Structures are given as structure tokens and as C-alpha cells.
Amino acid sequence: MIFTPTLETERLTLYDMSWEGYETLLSLLGDRPIGTTYSQGVVELMILSYQHERYKKLLARFVETLTEELEIPIAGGGSATFKRQDLERGLEPDECFYIAHELAIRGKQSLDLTQDPPPDLAIEIDIASNFLNRMAIYAALGVPEVWRFDGATLEFFYLQAGDYEQKSASVAFPLVQPADLMSFIAMAETTDDTTVIRAFRKWVRQRIEA
């Protein structure tokens, strides 16, 4: 096995790893705060920074607030590992949600993506460039919608004909555009999260009533 550390000590890339080796690595890592991405024999490991985790949690709270106010049933998948051996691909979304397919996985304690649907929405925090193309892995797994934030820009993508196309509004939540959420992300730089979410909830209610 060949490994290549990046200039940043937070990331490590492993080559020539079998699927069995990937499964073993996942077992060894357990619940440690290390993100793993696997694609056809290549594994990327990343230690998750505070900045990374803060953004993912904030975006997840926006989704949760939207579903509460719109009364949409969801199931949160957090950063669970989603993988398919037949595709030789796997990753942990930064956050993910079952929305349209919530009922299909309700009550299940484990999922098999060869039989169960993938999450309907994934949140991808891409502050540090990844060696592996995670968007291609999301597409291979069939995740319909991805929100990607790079620390400065938020973009919404929807899977069409096997590839992602950028959208001006969320497919899961048509009333929301990236610019709407960016204003609250910016607000979070100067105030606490509780105040941000309360302001966001008020904004959602105003949009619903409009």
C-alpha cells in the first residue's frame, strides 16, 4: 500500500487499497472524527476541523428548521458511511437527510444502498480541496441533491442523467436559494447560533405566509 501525506497534516491519501482493506479501516476508525472517502482503490482520510464542523452543523440546522416550519417528515443521517462494494465507492457526507424517502427507511437501524435509497440531500463542506472527487461519488451513489459550501460560496446541485447540474434554488425546498442562506451564514460570523436560527425561522415563516 502506498500513502501520500499532503502539505497539510490533516489529510492522508492511501493507494492500492482493496474493498476489504477499506472495510477494515472503517472498523478501526470507529466513531473517530476522521472523514474517509473511497473510490476504486484510493482512500482519502481527513481530520475534521472546527471550521468544517461549524459550517456543516449550521447548514444542518437550516434544513431542520425548514422541515419543522414546513411540517416535512425527515430522518437525519448525519455523517454515516454510505458505500457500495459493487461500485467500489464510499464516503461520509458532512450531513445528510432522508426527505422524500423518509418513509422508506423509517425504523431501520442499518442501510444497504443496493436495496435502500441513498439520502435525498447531502451537505458537503469543501473548505480544503479534496484529492478525490466526492461529487462524482455522490453521483455514483445516486444522491439527488447536494449543497456544497467552500467557505465563501454556497451552491446547490441536483443529479440529472448521472451528473450534477447547479440549481438556482433547492429542489427539496424550492423557497430557498443559496443567497438566502449565505446571509445567515454571514450573520453567524458576528453572533451566536441561537440568534441566527431564530432569525432564520422568522424568515422562513415570512416566506410561507407571503
C-alpha atoms as a PDB file:
ATOM      1  CA  MET A   1       0.000   0.000   0.000  1.00  0.00           C
ATOM      2  CA  ILE A   2       1.282   3.457  -0.919  1.00  0.00           C
ATOM      3  CA  PHE A   3       0.411   6.540   1.111  1.00  0.00           C
ATOM      4  CA  THR A   4       0.956  10.193   0.360  1.00  0.00           C
ATOM      5  CA  PRO A   5       0.588  12.867   3.074  1.00  0.00           C
ATOM      6  CA  THR A   6      -0.362  16.316   1.835  1.00  0.00           C
ATOM      7  CA  LEU A   7       1.396  19.511   2.854  1.00  0.00           C
ATOM      8  CA  GLU A   8      -1.311  19.851   5.483  1.00  0.00           C
ATOM      9  CA  THR A   9      -1.038  17.232   8.206  1.00  0.00           C
ATOM     10  CA  GLU A  10      -4.845  16.913   8.313  1.00  0.00           C
ATOM     11  CA  ARG A  11      -5.078  14.798   5.131  1.00  0.00           C
ATOM     12  CA  LEU A  12      -3.652  11.464   4.042  1.00  0.00           C
ATOM     13  CA  THR A  13      -4.162   9.576   0.772  1.00  0.00           C
ATOM     14  CA  LEU A  14      -3.760   5.788   0.549  1.00  0.00           C
ATOM     15  CA  TYR A  15      -3.460   3.930  -2.744  1.00  0.00           C
ATOM     16  CA  ASP A  16      -3.993   0.316  -3.846  1.00  0.00           C
ATOM     17  CA  MET A  17      -6.411  -0.456  -1.030  1.00  0.00           C
ATOM     18  CA  SER A  18      -8.866  -3.299  -1.566  1.00  0.00           C
ATOM     19  CA  TRP A  19     -12.513  -3.085  -0.577  1.00  0.00           C
ATOM     20  CA  GLU A  20     -11.767  -5.446   2.307  1.00  0.00           C
ATOM     21  CA  GLY A  21      -8.985  -3.117   3.435  1.00  0.00           C
ATOM     22  CA  TYR A  22     -11.393  -0.172   3.289  1.00  0.00           C
ATOM     23  CA  GLU A  23     -13.932  -2.049   5.407  1.00  0.00           C
ATOM     24  CA  THR A  24     -11.223  -2.916   7.932  1.00  0.00           C
ATOM     25  CA  LEU A  25     -10.098   0.712   8.076  1.00  0.00           C
ATOM     26  CA  LEU A  26     -13.662   1.860   8.767  1.00  0.00           C
ATOM     27  CA  SER A  27     -13.907  -0.631  11.624  1.00  0.00           C
ATOM     28  CA  LEU A  28     -10.609   0.523  13.107  1.00  0.00           C
ATOM     29  CA  LEU A  29     -11.549   4.210  12.903  1.00  0.00           C
ATOM     30  CA  GLY A  30     -14.939   3.652  14.531  1.00  0.00           C
ATOM     31  CA  ASP A  31     -16.510   6.968  15.553  1.00  0.00           C
ATOM     32  CA  ARG A  32     -13.296   8.984  15.462  1.00  0.00           C
ATOM     33  CA  PRO A  33     -13.654  12.461  13.882  1.00  0.00           C
ATOM     34  CA  ILE A  34     -11.907  11.431  10.665  1.00  0.00           C
ATOM     35  CA  GLY A  35     -13.613  11.649   7.287  1.00  0.00           C
ATOM     36  CA  THR A  36     -12.979   8.795   4.843  1.00  0.00           C
ATOM     37  CA  THR A  37     -13.563   8.797   1.110  1.00  0.00           C
ATOM     38  CA  TYR A  38     -13.062   5.674  -1.018  1.00  0.00           C
ATOM     39  CA  SER A  39     -13.009   5.405  -4.796  1.00  0.00           C
ATOM     40  CA  GLN A  40     -11.775   2.354  -6.685  1.00  0.00           C
ATOM     41  CA  GLY A  41      -8.765   1.548  -4.543  1.00  0.00           C
ATOM     42  CA  VAL A  42      -7.893   5.049  -3.326  1.00  0.00           C
ATOM     43  CA  VAL A  43      -8.719   6.220   0.210  1.00  0.00           C
ATOM     44  CA  GLU A  44      -8.523   9.774   1.483  1.00  0.00           C
ATOM     45  CA  LEU A  45      -8.505  10.425   5.232  1.00  0.00           C
ATOM     46  CA  MET A  46      -9.167  13.871   6.646  1.00  0.00           C
ATOM     47  CA  ILE A  47      -9.196  15.170  10.203  1.00  0.00           C
ATOM     48  CA  LEU A  48     -12.253  17.394  10.551  1.00  0.00           C
ATOM     49  CA  SER A  49     -11.509  20.944  11.684  1.00  0.00           C
ATOM     50  CA  TYR A  50     -13.625  23.136  13.933  1.00  0.00           C
ATOM     51  CA  GLN A  51     -14.387  25.422  10.980  1.00  0.00           C
ATOM     52  CA  HIS A  52     -15.536  22.459   8.915  1.00  0.00           C
ATOM     53  CA  GLU A  53     -17.776  21.118  11.677  1.00  0.00           C
ATOM     54  CA  ARG A  54     -19.228  24.524  12.497  1.00  0.00           C
ATOM     55  CA  TYR A  55     -20.383  25.146   8.922  1.00  0.00           C
ATOM     56  CA  LYS A  56     -21.855  21.684   8.497  1.00  0.00           C
ATOM     57  CA  LYS A  57     -23.806  21.967  11.752  1.00  0.00           C
ATOM     58  CA  LEU A  58     -25.142  25.399  10.832  1.00  0.00           C
ATOM     59  CA  LEU A  59     -26.365  24.233   7.415  1.00  0.00           C
ATOM     60  CA  ALA A  60     -27.913  21.165   9.014  1.00  0.00           C
ATOM     61  CA  ARG A  61     -29.823  23.372  11.438  1.00  0.00           C
ATOM     62  CA  PHE A  62     -31.163  25.376   8.494  1.00  0.00           C
ATOM     63  CA  VAL A  63     -32.510  22.152   6.982  1.00  0.00           C
ATOM     64  CA  GLU A  64     -34.030  21.063  10.283  1.00  0.00           C
ATOM     65  CA  THR A  65     -35.681  24.457  10.777  1.00  0.00           C
ATOM     66  CA  LEU A  66     -37.111  24.349   7.259  1.00  0.00           C
ATOM     67  CA  THR A  67     -38.636  20.928   7.798  1.00  0.00           C
ATOM     68  CA  GLU A  68     -40.110  21.947  11.133  1.00  0.00           C
ATOM     69  CA  GLU A  69     -41.766  25.058   9.707  1.00  0.00           C
ATOM     70  CA  LEU A  70     -42.899  23.319   6.502  1.00  0.00           C
ATOM     71  CA  GLU A  71     -44.010  20.246   8.502  1.00  0.00           C
ATOM     72  CA  ILE A  72     -41.974  17.887   6.311  1.00  0.00           C
ATOM     73  CA  PRO A  73     -41.051  14.497   7.828  1.00  0.00           C
ATOM     74  CA  ILE A  74     -37.313  13.770   7.669  1.00  0.00           C
ATOM     75  CA  ALA A  75     -34.723  11.369   9.001  1.00  0.00           C
ATOM     76  CA  GLY A  76     -31.252  12.733   9.632  1.00  0.00           C
ATOM     77  CA  GLY A  77     -28.359  10.510   8.608  1.00  0.00           C
ATOM     78  CA  GLY A  78     -25.591  12.732   9.981  1.00  0.00           C
ATOM     79  CA  SER A  79     -22.164  11.609   8.789  1.00  0.00           C
ATOM     80  CA  ALA A  80     -22.953   7.904   8.457  1.00  0.00           C
ATOM     81  CA  THR A  81     -20.829   5.955   5.982  1.00  0.00           C
ATOM     82  CA  PHE A  82     -22.635   5.267   2.710  1.00  0.00           C
ATOM     83  CA  LYS A  83     -20.929   2.748   0.462  1.00  0.00           C
ATOM     84  CA  ARG A  84     -21.446   0.222  -2.313  1.00  0.00           C
ATOM     85  CA  GLN A  85     -18.992  -2.563  -2.927  1.00  0.00           C
ATOM     86  CA  ASP A  86     -20.244  -3.146  -6.476  1.00  0.00           C
ATOM     87  CA  LEU A  87     -19.324   0.462  -7.330  1.00  0.00           C
ATOM     88  CA  GLU A  88     -16.150   0.449  -5.207  1.00  0.00           C
ATOM     89  CA  ARG A  89     -17.129   3.790  -3.733  1.00  0.00           C
ATOM     90  CA  GLY A  90     -17.989   5.100  -0.303  1.00  0.00           C
ATOM     91  CA  LEU A  91     -17.944   8.253   1.807  1.00  0.00           C
ATOM     92  CA  GLU A  92     -19.412  10.045   4.785  1.00  0.00           C
ATOM     93  CA  PRO A  93     -21.493  13.113   3.924  1.00  0.00           C
ATOM     94  CA  ASP A  94     -20.847  16.012   6.243  1.00  0.00           C
ATOM     95  CA  GLU A  95     -24.582  15.892   6.945  1.00  0.00           C
ATOM     96  CA  CYS A  96     -27.415  14.151   5.115  1.00  0.00           C
ATOM     97  CA  PHE A  97     -31.171  13.805   5.241  1.00  0.00           C
ATOM     98  CA  TYR A  98     -33.879  11.489   4.013  1.00  0.00           C
ATOM     99  CA  ILE A  99     -36.789  13.660   2.915  1.00  0.00           C
ATOM    100  CA  ALA A 100     -38.796  12.203   0.005  1.00  0.00           C
ATOM    101  CA  HIS A 101     -37.642   8.722   1.042  1.00  0.00           C
ATOM    102  CA  GLU A 102     -38.001   9.151   4.798  1.00  0.00           C
ATOM    103  CA  LEU A 103     -40.816   6.599   4.990  1.00  0.00           C
ATOM    104  CA  ALA A 104     -38.768   4.050   3.032  1.00  0.00           C
ATOM    105  CA  ILE A 105     -36.072   3.904   5.720  1.00  0.00           C
ATOM    106  CA  ARG A 106     -38.200   4.636   8.785  1.00  0.00           C
ATOM    107  CA  GLY A 107     -37.389   2.308  11.658  1.00  0.00           C
ATOM    108  CA  LYS A 108     -34.276   0.840  10.050  1.00  0.00           C
ATOM    109  CA  GLN A 109     -31.089   0.659  12.081  1.00  0.00           C
ATOM    110  CA  SER A 110     -28.786  -0.104   9.136  1.00  0.00           C
ATOM    111  CA  LEU A 111     -28.962   0.516   5.410  1.00  0.00           C
ATOM    112  CA  ASP A 112     -27.835  -1.329   2.291  1.00  0.00           C
ATOM    113  CA  LEU A 113     -27.622   1.012  -0.696  1.00  0.00           C
ATOM    114  CA  THR A 114     -28.076  -1.875  -3.108  1.00  0.00           C
ATOM    115  CA  GLN A 115     -31.612  -2.140  -1.718  1.00  0.00           C
ATOM    116  CA  ASP A 116     -32.302   1.069   0.202  1.00  0.00           C
ATOM    117  CA  PRO A 117     -32.358   4.572  -1.308  1.00  0.00           C
ATOM    118  CA  PRO A 118     -29.464   6.972  -0.711  1.00  0.00           C
ATOM    119  CA  PRO A 119     -30.089  10.186   1.265  1.00  0.00           C
ATOM    120  CA  ASP A 120     -32.182  12.782  -0.577  1.00  0.00           C
ATOM    121  CA  LEU A 121     -29.931  15.675   0.449  1.00  0.00           C
ATOM    122  CA  ALA A 122     -26.260  15.788   1.369  1.00  0.00           C
ATOM    123  CA  ILE A 123     -24.303  18.727   2.764  1.00  0.00           C
ATOM    124  CA  GLU A 124     -20.709  18.942   1.566  1.00  0.00           C
ATOM    125  CA  ILE A 125     -18.237  21.301   3.260  1.00  0.00           C
ATOM    126  CA  ASP A 126     -15.336  21.718   0.843  1.00  0.00           C
ATOM    127  CA  ILE A 127     -13.070  24.210   2.615  1.00  0.00           C
ATOM    128  CA  ALA A 128      -9.892  22.226   1.911  1.00  0.00           C
ATOM    129  CA  SER A 129      -9.634  20.784  -1.589  1.00  0.00           C
ATOM    130  CA  ASN A 130     -10.080  17.020  -1.703  1.00  0.00           C
ATOM    131  CA  PHE A 131      -7.873  14.731  -3.760  1.00  0.00           C
ATOM    132  CA  LEU A 132     -10.827  12.515  -4.637  1.00  0.00           C
ATOM    133  CA  ASN A 133     -13.857  13.868  -6.490  1.00  0.00           C
ATOM    134  CA  ARG A 134     -16.521  13.496  -3.834  1.00  0.00           C
ATOM    135  CA  MET A 135     -19.243  14.890  -6.084  1.00  0.00           C
ATOM    136  CA  ALA A 136     -18.613  12.024  -8.515  1.00  0.00           C
ATOM    137  CA  ILE A 137     -19.012   9.574  -5.631  1.00  0.00           C
ATOM    138  CA  TYR A 138     -22.284  11.198  -4.556  1.00  0.00           C
ATOM    139  CA  ALA A 139     -23.459  10.869  -8.168  1.00  0.00           C
ATOM    140  CA  ALA A 140     -22.439   7.206  -8.356  1.00  0.00           C
ATOM    141  CA  LEU A 141     -24.356   6.500  -5.129  1.00  0.00           C
ATOM    142  CA  GLY A 142     -27.386   8.339  -6.545  1.00  0.00           C
ATOM    143  CA  VAL A 143     -27.740  11.174  -4.011  1.00  0.00           C
ATOM    144  CA  PRO A 144     -30.295  13.511  -5.678  1.00  0.00           C
ATOM    145  CA  GLU A 145     -29.265  16.852  -4.151  1.00  0.00           C
ATOM    146  CA  VAL A 146     -26.018  18.226  -2.713  1.00  0.00           C
ATOM    147  CA  TRP A 147     -25.418  21.581  -1.043  1.00  0.00           C
ATOM    148  CA  ARG A 148     -21.715  22.436  -1.318  1.00  0.00           C
ATOM    149  CA  PHE A 149     -20.069  25.209   0.687  1.00  0.00           C
ATOM    150  CA  ASP A 150     -16.402  26.152   0.227  1.00  0.00           C
ATOM    151  CA  GLY A 151     -16.178  28.733   2.993  1.00  0.00           C
ATOM    152  CA  ALA A 152     -17.148  31.601   0.690  1.00  0.00           C
ATOM    153  CA  THR A 153     -19.769  30.304  -1.754  1.00  0.00           C
ATOM    154  CA  LEU A 154     -22.777  28.062  -1.299  1.00  0.00           C
ATOM    155  CA  GLU A 155     -24.035  26.123  -4.319  1.00  0.00           C
ATOM    156  CA  PHE A 156     -26.991  23.784  -4.829  1.00  0.00           C
ATOM    157  CA  PHE A 157     -26.627  20.811  -7.189  1.00  0.00           C
ATOM    158  CA  TYR A 158     -29.229  18.341  -8.456  1.00  0.00           C
ATOM    159  CA  LEU A 159     -28.497  14.977 -10.045  1.00  0.00           C
ATOM    160  CA  GLN A 160     -29.747  14.695 -13.623  1.00  0.00           C
ATOM    161  CA  ALA A 161     -28.795  11.975 -16.100  1.00  0.00           C
ATOM    162  CA  GLY A 162     -25.960  10.786 -13.868  1.00  0.00           C
ATOM    163  CA  ASP A 163     -24.304  14.174 -13.348  1.00  0.00           C
ATOM    164  CA  TYR A 164     -24.889  17.217 -11.175  1.00  0.00           C
ATOM    165  CA  GLU A 165     -26.287  20.467 -12.506  1.00  0.00           C
ATOM    166  CA  GLN A 166     -26.182  23.650 -10.495  1.00  0.00           C
ATOM    167  CA  LYS A 167     -29.603  24.954  -9.455  1.00  0.00           C
ATOM    168  CA  SER A 168     -30.709  28.453  -8.503  1.00  0.00           C
ATOM    169  CA  ALA A 169     -32.963  27.042  -5.764  1.00  0.00           C
ATOM    170  CA  SER A 170     -33.150  23.884  -3.694  1.00  0.00           C
ATOM    171  CA  VAL A 171     -35.189  21.065  -5.207  1.00  0.00           C
ATOM    172  CA  ALA A 172     -36.139  19.749  -1.770  1.00  0.00           C
ATOM    173  CA  PHE A 173     -37.010  23.253  -0.531  1.00  0.00           C
ATOM    174  CA  PRO A 174     -37.923  25.415  -3.562  1.00  0.00           C
ATOM    175  CA  LEU A 175     -38.386  28.557  -1.475  1.00  0.00           C
ATOM    176  CA  VAL A 176     -34.664  28.609  -0.590  1.00  0.00           C
ATOM    177  CA  GLN A 177     -31.828  29.934  -2.743  1.00  0.00           C
ATOM    178  CA  PRO A 178     -28.116  29.867  -1.865  1.00  0.00           C
ATOM    179  CA  ALA A 179     -28.015  33.644  -1.378  1.00  0.00           C
ATOM    180  CA  ASP A 180     -30.749  33.355   1.261  1.00  0.00           C
ATOM    181  CA  LEU A 181     -28.667  31.011   3.382  1.00  0.00           C
ATOM    182  CA  MET A 182     -25.449  32.951   2.776  1.00  0.00           C
ATOM    183  CA  SER A 183     -26.924  35.965   4.537  1.00  0.00           C
ATOM    184  CA  PHE A 184     -27.483  33.862   7.664  1.00  0.00           C
ATOM    185  CA  ILE A 185     -24.060  32.221   7.396  1.00  0.00           C
ATOM    186  CA  ALA A 186     -22.575  35.720   7.330  1.00  0.00           C
ATOM    187  CA  MET A 187     -24.701  36.636  10.353  1.00  0.00           C
ATOM    188  CA  ALA A 188     -23.199  33.664  12.226  1.00  0.00           C
ATOM    189  CA  GLU A 189     -19.760  35.266  11.964  1.00  0.00           C
ATOM    190  CA  THR A 190     -20.782  38.015  14.380  1.00  0.00           C
ATOM    191  CA  THR A 191     -23.457  36.482  16.575  1.00  0.00           C
ATOM    192  CA  ASP A 192     -24.429  33.237  18.281  1.00  0.00           C
ATOM    193  CA  ASP A 193     -26.126  30.312  16.544  1.00  0.00           C
ATOM    194  CA  THR A 194     -29.324  30.558  18.583  1.00  0.00           C
ATOM    195  CA  THR A 195     -29.897  34.121  17.400  1.00  0.00           C
ATOM    196  CA  VAL A 196     -29.122  33.100  13.809  1.00  0.00           C
ATOM    197  CA  ILE A 197     -31.602  30.219  13.842  1.00  0.00           C
ATOM    198  CA  ARG A 198     -34.306  32.359  15.424  1.00  0.00           C
ATOM    199  CA  ALA A 199     -33.815  34.927  12.646  1.00  0.00           C
ATOM    200  CA  PHE A 200     -33.847  32.196  10.029  1.00  0.00           C
ATOM    201  CA  ARG A 201     -37.037  30.688  11.435  1.00  0.00           C
ATOM    202  CA  LYS A 202     -38.689  34.105  11.275  1.00  0.00           C
ATOM    203  CA  TRP A 203     -37.564  34.466   7.647  1.00  0.00           C
ATOM    204  CA  VAL A 204     -38.993  31.042   6.750  1.00  0.00           C
ATOM    205  CA  ARG A 205     -42.345  31.888   8.317  1.00  0.00           C
ATOM    206  CA  GLN A 206     -42.479  35.144   6.378  1.00  0.00           C
ATOM    207  CA  ARG A 207     -41.789  33.286   3.127  1.00  0.00           C
ATOM    208  CA  ILE A 208     -44.505  30.733   3.894  1.00  0.00           C
ATOM    209  CA  GLU A 209     -47.055  33.447   4.617  1.00  0.00           C
ATOM    210  CA  ALA A 210     -46.128  35.546   1.568  1.00  0.00           C
END
